[in-house]
Amino acid sequence: MRHIELNNEVTQLNEKGFFRLEKDKEAVADFLESEIKPKLIRFDSVAQKFTYMVEEDFYYPQVLDQYKISEIEEITKLVYDYHFEFQSYMAISKFYKDYALKTNDKKNYLETYEDRIIIVALFLGQGDFNKAKKTAIAMIEQRYQPATPTFLNAGRSRRGEMVSCFLLEMDDSLNSIFHNINTSGQLSKIGGGVALNLSKLRSRNEQIKGIDNAASGVVPVMKLLEDTFSYANQLGQRKGAGAAYLNIFHWDVVEFLDEFLRPVTNLVNTCKSGVA
C-alpha cells in the first residue's frame, strides 16, 4: 500500500539531513483516497444515517428518542463546518483502525472522525441538546478528548464499558487465582485495562498443606494473565491491557524481573551485536 510506503519514507533523511516530514502529509492524503473514500458507507441524509445505524444495531436506540432529527442535523452541520483534517498518518490510521465503527464484516467504514464525535457528544448529553452541542464543539476544537474507552464505546449499541482501569486483589488460593483470571478476561473483553496485585501469592517451592516444594509461584500466574489479555480483546477493536504488581520483598521478585525483562535484555544484546 502506497500510504505505508510513504510513511516509511518519513525517516529517510533528505539532502539537508532532515527527516522528510512532507511524506507524512502525503501518506495521510493517500490513506484518505485509497483506504477511506472507497470503503466509507455514505448516506443521503442525517435522518437516513441515524435510522440505519439504530435499526442495524450500531447506535444505541434511545438516541432517536432523546433528540429530534433537526437537533442531530444541527450538531452534524456544526461539527462538519470545522473541516477537520488529520495532521499525521499515525493519527488517521489509528482512528480508522481502532475507533471508527465498521460494518460487521469489517470491510467498510460507517463513521468518520466527525461522526464519532457527534454520537459521543449525543450520548454524553443524554438528551440535553445544549450539553451535547457544547461537548461536540469542545471535541472538534480539540479542547476536550474523552478517555479511550469513552470515545470508543459511547453511543454504540454493542459496546464495552466507558471506564479505563480496574484494580484487582488476588489472594493465595486456587479459587481466587482463577476467579481473578476470569474477571480479568471479562474486563478485558469490554475494553478495560486491569491491574492485579499478586503479592499475596506464595512463592515458588513453598509448602502447600505441609508438602515441600509444592507451590508454583507467581510467574506462572502472570503468564496465564498475559495469555488472557492477549485472547480477550474488545471484539478485535482494542487490545487487552494488564499490569501485575509484586511487592519488592516477595521471594519471587528476582524470578519475575528475570522472566519479564529477558525480552528487553535480548533486544539490547541483539542491537549491540548488530552494531558490533
Protein backbone atom coordinates (compact mmCIF):
# COMPACT_ATOMS: atom_id res chain seq x y z
CA MET A 1 0.00 0.00 0.00
CA ARG A 2 1.37 3.35 -1.05
CA HIS A 3 0.45 5.15 2.19
CA ILE A 4 2.54 2.68 4.20
CA GLU A 5 5.50 3.21 1.90
CA LEU A 6 5.14 6.98 2.20
CA ASN A 7 5.00 6.75 5.98
CA ASN A 8 8.20 4.67 5.99
CA GLU A 9 9.93 7.32 3.88
CA VAL A 10 9.50 9.92 6.64
CA THR A 11 12.65 8.73 8.43
CA GLN A 12 14.77 8.76 5.28
CA LEU A 13 16.96 11.85 5.50
CA ASN A 14 16.84 14.41 2.72
CA GLU A 15 19.85 16.14 1.18
CA LYS A 16 19.99 18.57 4.12
CA GLY A 17 19.99 15.76 6.68
CA PHE A 18 16.41 16.32 7.90
CA PHE A 19 13.54 13.88 8.13
CA ARG A 20 11.21 14.02 5.13
CA LEU A 21 8.19 15.21 7.08
CA GLU A 22 6.31 16.11 3.90
CA LYS A 23 5.97 12.36 3.27
CA ASP A 24 3.73 12.11 6.34
CA LYS A 25 1.26 14.55 4.78
CA GLU A 26 1.39 12.59 1.54
CA ALA A 27 0.69 9.38 3.46
CA VAL A 28 -2.38 10.98 5.06
CA ALA A 29 -3.70 12.10 1.67
CA ASP A 30 -3.10 8.69 0.08
CA PHE A 31 -4.72 6.90 3.04
CA LEU A 32 -7.86 9.03 2.60
CA GLU A 33 -8.02 8.45 -1.15
CA SER A 34 -7.14 4.78 -1.31
CA GLU A 35 -8.41 3.38 2.00
CA ILE A 36 -11.21 5.56 3.36
CA LYS A 37 -13.13 7.07 0.45
CA PRO A 38 -13.68 3.76 -1.40
CA LYS A 39 -14.74 1.96 1.79
CA LEU A 40 -16.82 4.63 3.55
CA ILE A 41 -20.57 3.94 3.55
CA ARG A 42 -22.38 7.15 2.64
CA PHE A 43 -25.95 8.21 3.37
CA ASP A 44 -28.24 10.68 1.65
CA SER A 45 -29.22 12.44 4.87
CA VAL A 46 -28.59 12.59 8.61
CA ALA A 47 -32.01 11.05 9.21
CA GLN A 48 -31.22 8.12 6.92
CA LYS A 49 -27.86 7.55 8.58
CA PHE A 50 -29.15 7.55 12.14
CA THR A 51 -32.18 5.43 11.28
CA TYR A 52 -29.90 2.86 9.62
CA MET A 53 -27.36 2.89 12.47
CA VAL A 54 -30.07 2.33 15.06
CA GLU A 55 -32.02 -0.29 13.12
CA GLU A 56 -28.85 -2.26 12.29
CA ASP A 57 -27.79 -2.25 15.96
CA PHE A 58 -24.77 0.05 15.59
CA TYR A 59 -26.02 3.08 17.59
CA TYR A 60 -27.89 2.95 20.87
CA PRO A 61 -31.64 3.09 20.09
CA GLN A 62 -32.52 5.81 22.64
CA VAL A 63 -30.69 8.46 20.61
CA LEU A 64 -33.72 8.96 18.34
CA ASP A 65 -35.95 9.34 21.38
CA GLN A 66 -33.63 11.71 23.21
CA TYR A 67 -33.10 14.11 20.30
CA LYS A 68 -35.08 15.49 17.39
CA ILE A 69 -33.62 14.83 13.95
CA SER A 70 -33.37 18.59 13.49
CA GLU A 71 -31.15 18.80 16.59
CA ILE A 72 -28.89 15.99 15.33
CA GLU A 73 -28.71 17.73 11.95
CA GLU A 74 -27.69 20.99 13.63
CA ILE A 75 -24.87 19.36 15.59
CA THR A 76 -23.76 17.46 12.48
CA LYS A 77 -23.55 20.64 10.40
CA LEU A 78 -21.77 22.43 13.23
CA VAL A 79 -19.08 19.73 13.51
CA TYR A 80 -18.54 19.26 9.78
CA ASP A 81 -18.24 23.02 9.22
CA TYR A 82 -14.90 22.91 11.05
CA HIS A 83 -13.44 20.94 8.09
CA PHE A 84 -11.25 18.86 10.38
CA GLU A 85 -8.08 17.35 8.90
CA PHE A 86 -5.79 14.76 10.45
CA GLN A 87 -2.30 16.13 10.95
CA SER A 88 -0.38 12.85 10.88
CA TYR A 89 -0.54 9.40 9.36
CA MET A 90 -0.34 7.84 12.81
CA ALA A 91 -3.45 9.73 13.92
CA ILE A 92 -5.63 8.93 10.91
CA SER A 93 -4.60 5.27 10.68
CA LYS A 94 -5.08 4.79 14.42
CA PHE A 95 -8.57 6.30 14.35
CA TYR A 96 -9.86 4.26 11.44
CA LYS A 97 -8.21 1.07 12.63
CA ASP A 98 -9.33 1.16 16.26
CA TYR A 99 -12.11 3.71 16.78
CA ALA A 100 -14.34 4.13 13.74
CA LEU A 101 -17.36 1.85 13.54
CA LYS A 102 -17.16 -0.68 10.73
CA THR A 103 -19.65 -2.98 9.09
CA ASN A 104 -19.99 -6.40 10.72
CA ASP A 105 -17.63 -7.97 8.16
CA LYS A 106 -15.05 -5.21 8.93
CA LYS A 107 -14.72 -4.40 5.23
CA ASN A 108 -16.31 -0.94 5.22
CA TYR A 109 -16.33 2.12 7.46
CA LEU A 110 -19.54 3.57 8.88
CA GLU A 111 -18.05 6.61 10.60
CA THR A 112 -15.67 9.46 10.01
CA TYR A 113 -13.90 11.25 12.85
CA GLU A 114 -16.68 13.84 12.84
CA ASP A 115 -19.34 11.13 13.06
CA ARG A 116 -17.66 9.59 16.11
CA ILE A 117 -17.57 12.99 17.81
CA ILE A 118 -21.25 13.56 17.07
CA ILE A 119 -22.52 10.28 18.51
CA VAL A 120 -20.21 10.54 21.55
CA ALA A 121 -21.49 14.06 22.26
CA LEU A 122 -25.12 12.95 21.85
CA PHE A 123 -24.60 10.01 24.18
CA LEU A 124 -22.86 12.10 26.84
CA GLY A 125 -25.58 14.74 26.57
CA GLN A 126 -28.29 12.14 27.31
CA GLY A 127 -30.99 14.26 25.68
CA ASP A 128 -29.63 17.66 26.76
CA PHE A 129 -29.17 19.31 23.36
CA ASN A 130 -27.12 22.26 24.59
CA LYS A 131 -24.78 20.00 26.54
CA ALA A 132 -24.35 17.73 23.53
CA LYS A 133 -23.63 20.70 21.27
CA LYS A 134 -21.04 22.17 23.66
CA THR A 135 -19.39 18.77 24.04
CA ALA A 136 -19.19 18.30 20.27
CA ILE A 137 -17.64 21.74 19.80
CA ALA A 138 -15.08 21.12 22.54
CA MET A 139 -14.06 17.83 20.93
CA ILE A 140 -13.82 19.06 17.32
CA GLU A 141 -11.78 22.03 18.56
CA GLN A 142 -9.63 19.51 20.45
CA ARG A 143 -10.08 21.28 23.76
CA TYR A 144 -11.60 18.14 25.24
CA GLN A 145 -10.88 14.49 24.48
CA PRO A 146 -12.73 11.72 26.34
CA ALA A 147 -10.71 8.80 27.65
CA THR A 148 -10.11 5.98 25.17
CA PRO A 149 -12.93 3.66 26.39
CA THR A 150 -15.41 6.54 26.36
CA PHE A 151 -14.51 7.75 22.86
CA LEU A 152 -14.50 4.18 21.59
CA ASN A 153 -17.73 2.97 23.20
CA ALA A 154 -20.05 5.93 23.79
CA GLY A 155 -23.09 5.78 21.55
CA ARG A 156 -22.56 2.23 20.37
CA SER A 157 -25.25 -0.37 20.81
CA ARG A 158 -22.77 -3.25 21.13
CA ARG A 159 -20.18 -1.69 23.36
CA GLY A 160 -17.82 -2.22 26.21
CA GLU A 161 -17.59 -0.12 29.35
CA MET A 162 -16.52 3.52 29.39
CA VAL A 163 -14.16 3.09 32.31
CA SER A 164 -10.42 2.91 31.69
CA CYS A 165 -8.98 1.00 34.62
CA PHE A 166 -9.84 -1.73 37.10
CA LEU A 167 -7.86 -2.83 40.16
CA LEU A 168 -8.00 -6.42 41.46
CA GLU A 169 -6.51 -8.12 44.51
CA MET A 170 -5.55 -11.79 44.24
CA ASP A 171 -5.48 -14.00 47.36
CA ASP A 172 -3.37 -17.11 47.88
CA SER A 173 -5.89 -19.74 46.85
CA LEU A 174 -6.75 -21.52 43.61
CA ASN A 175 -10.29 -20.16 43.77
CA SER A 176 -9.02 -16.60 43.99
CA ILE A 177 -6.44 -17.12 41.23
CA PHE A 178 -8.92 -18.42 38.67
CA HIS A 179 -11.66 -16.05 39.78
CA ASN A 180 -9.32 -13.13 39.07
CA ILE A 181 -8.17 -14.60 35.76
CA ASN A 182 -11.80 -14.95 34.69
CA THR A 183 -12.63 -11.45 35.92
CA SER A 184 -9.61 -10.05 34.07
CA GLY A 185 -10.79 -11.68 30.86
CA GLN A 186 -14.31 -10.31 31.26
CA LEU A 187 -12.99 -6.81 31.94
CA SER A 188 -10.56 -7.00 29.03
CA LYS A 189 -13.41 -8.11 26.78
CA ILE A 190 -15.27 -4.88 27.45
CA GLY A 191 -12.21 -2.71 26.89
CA GLY A 192 -10.91 -2.26 30.42
CA GLY A 193 -7.29 -2.16 31.47
CA VAL A 194 -6.67 -4.32 34.55
CA ALA A 195 -4.06 -4.13 37.30
CA LEU A 196 -3.61 -7.02 39.73
CA ASN A 197 -1.72 -7.19 43.00
CA LEU A 198 -0.12 -10.65 43.23
CA SER A 199 1.90 -10.03 46.37
CA LYS A 200 -0.23 -12.38 48.49
CA LEU A 201 0.61 -15.43 46.39
CA ARG A 202 3.16 -17.78 47.99
CA SER A 203 6.50 -18.06 46.22
CA ARG A 204 7.82 -20.92 44.14
CA ASN A 205 8.62 -24.14 46.08
CA GLU A 206 6.86 -23.04 49.28
CA GLN A 207 4.78 -25.57 51.18
CA ILE A 208 1.16 -26.37 50.40
CA LYS A 209 -0.63 -28.36 53.14
CA GLY A 210 2.71 -29.32 54.65
CA ILE A 211 4.17 -30.60 51.38
CA ASP A 212 7.52 -29.04 50.47
CA ASN A 213 8.26 -27.61 47.02
CA ALA A 214 4.58 -27.69 46.06
CA ALA A 215 3.86 -24.06 45.14
CA SER A 216 4.40 -22.95 41.54
CA GLY A 217 4.99 -19.32 42.42
CA VAL A 218 3.93 -16.05 40.89
CA VAL A 219 5.42 -16.20 37.39
CA PRO A 220 3.13 -18.98 36.02
CA VAL A 221 0.10 -16.97 37.17
CA MET A 222 1.45 -13.91 35.39
CA LYS A 223 1.83 -15.92 32.19
CA LEU A 224 -1.78 -17.10 32.44
CA LEU A 225 -2.84 -13.48 32.81
CA GLU A 226 -0.72 -12.44 29.85
CA ASP A 227 -2.41 -15.05 27.65
CA THR A 228 -5.82 -13.96 28.95
CA PHE A 229 -5.26 -10.33 27.99
CA SER A 230 -3.97 -11.33 24.56
CA TYR A 231 -7.00 -13.51 23.94
CA ALA A 232 -9.80 -11.37 25.38
CA ASN A 233 -9.85 -8.15 23.38
CA GLN A 234 -12.86 -5.98 22.68
CA LEU A 235 -14.28 -7.59 19.53
CA GLY A 236 -10.83 -7.23 17.97
CA GLN A 237 -11.21 -3.47 18.31
CA ARG A 238 -8.88 -2.81 21.21
CA LYS A 239 -6.05 -4.98 22.50
CA GLY A 240 -6.23 -6.22 26.06
CA ALA A 241 -4.02 -4.48 28.61
CA GLY A 242 -2.98 -5.68 32.04
CA ALA A 243 -0.38 -4.98 34.71
CA ALA A 244 0.82 -7.23 37.52
CA TYR A 245 2.20 -5.75 40.73
CA LEU A 246 4.53 -7.59 43.09
CA ASN A 247 5.99 -6.37 46.37
CA ILE A 248 9.76 -5.97 46.13
CA PHE A 249 10.15 -8.12 49.26
CA HIS A 250 8.34 -11.08 47.67
CA TRP A 251 10.59 -14.14 47.31
CA ASP A 252 9.76 -14.43 43.59
CA VAL A 253 10.61 -10.86 42.66
CA VAL A 254 14.02 -11.77 41.19
CA GLU A 255 12.48 -14.53 39.06
CA PHE A 256 9.76 -12.12 37.97
CA LEU A 257 12.27 -9.46 36.91
CA ASP A 258 14.43 -12.02 35.15
CA GLU A 259 11.48 -13.51 33.26
CA PHE A 260 9.84 -10.34 32.10
CA LEU A 261 12.96 -8.30 31.46
CA ARG A 262 14.52 -11.06 29.36
CA PRO A 263 12.93 -9.84 26.09
CA VAL A 264 14.35 -6.38 26.73
CA THR A 265 17.77 -7.84 27.54
CA ASN A 266 17.70 -9.96 24.40
CA LEU A 267 16.78 -6.94 22.30
CA VAL A 268 19.64 -4.89 23.79
CA ASN A 269 22.11 -7.72 23.18
CA THR A 270 20.87 -8.09 19.61
CA CYS A 271 21.31 -4.37 18.99
CA LYS A 272 24.82 -4.47 20.46
CA SER A 273 25.71 -7.42 18.24
CA GLY A 274 24.37 -5.61 15.21
CA VAL A 275 26.38 -2.52 16.00
CA ALA A 276 29.48 -4.60 16.60
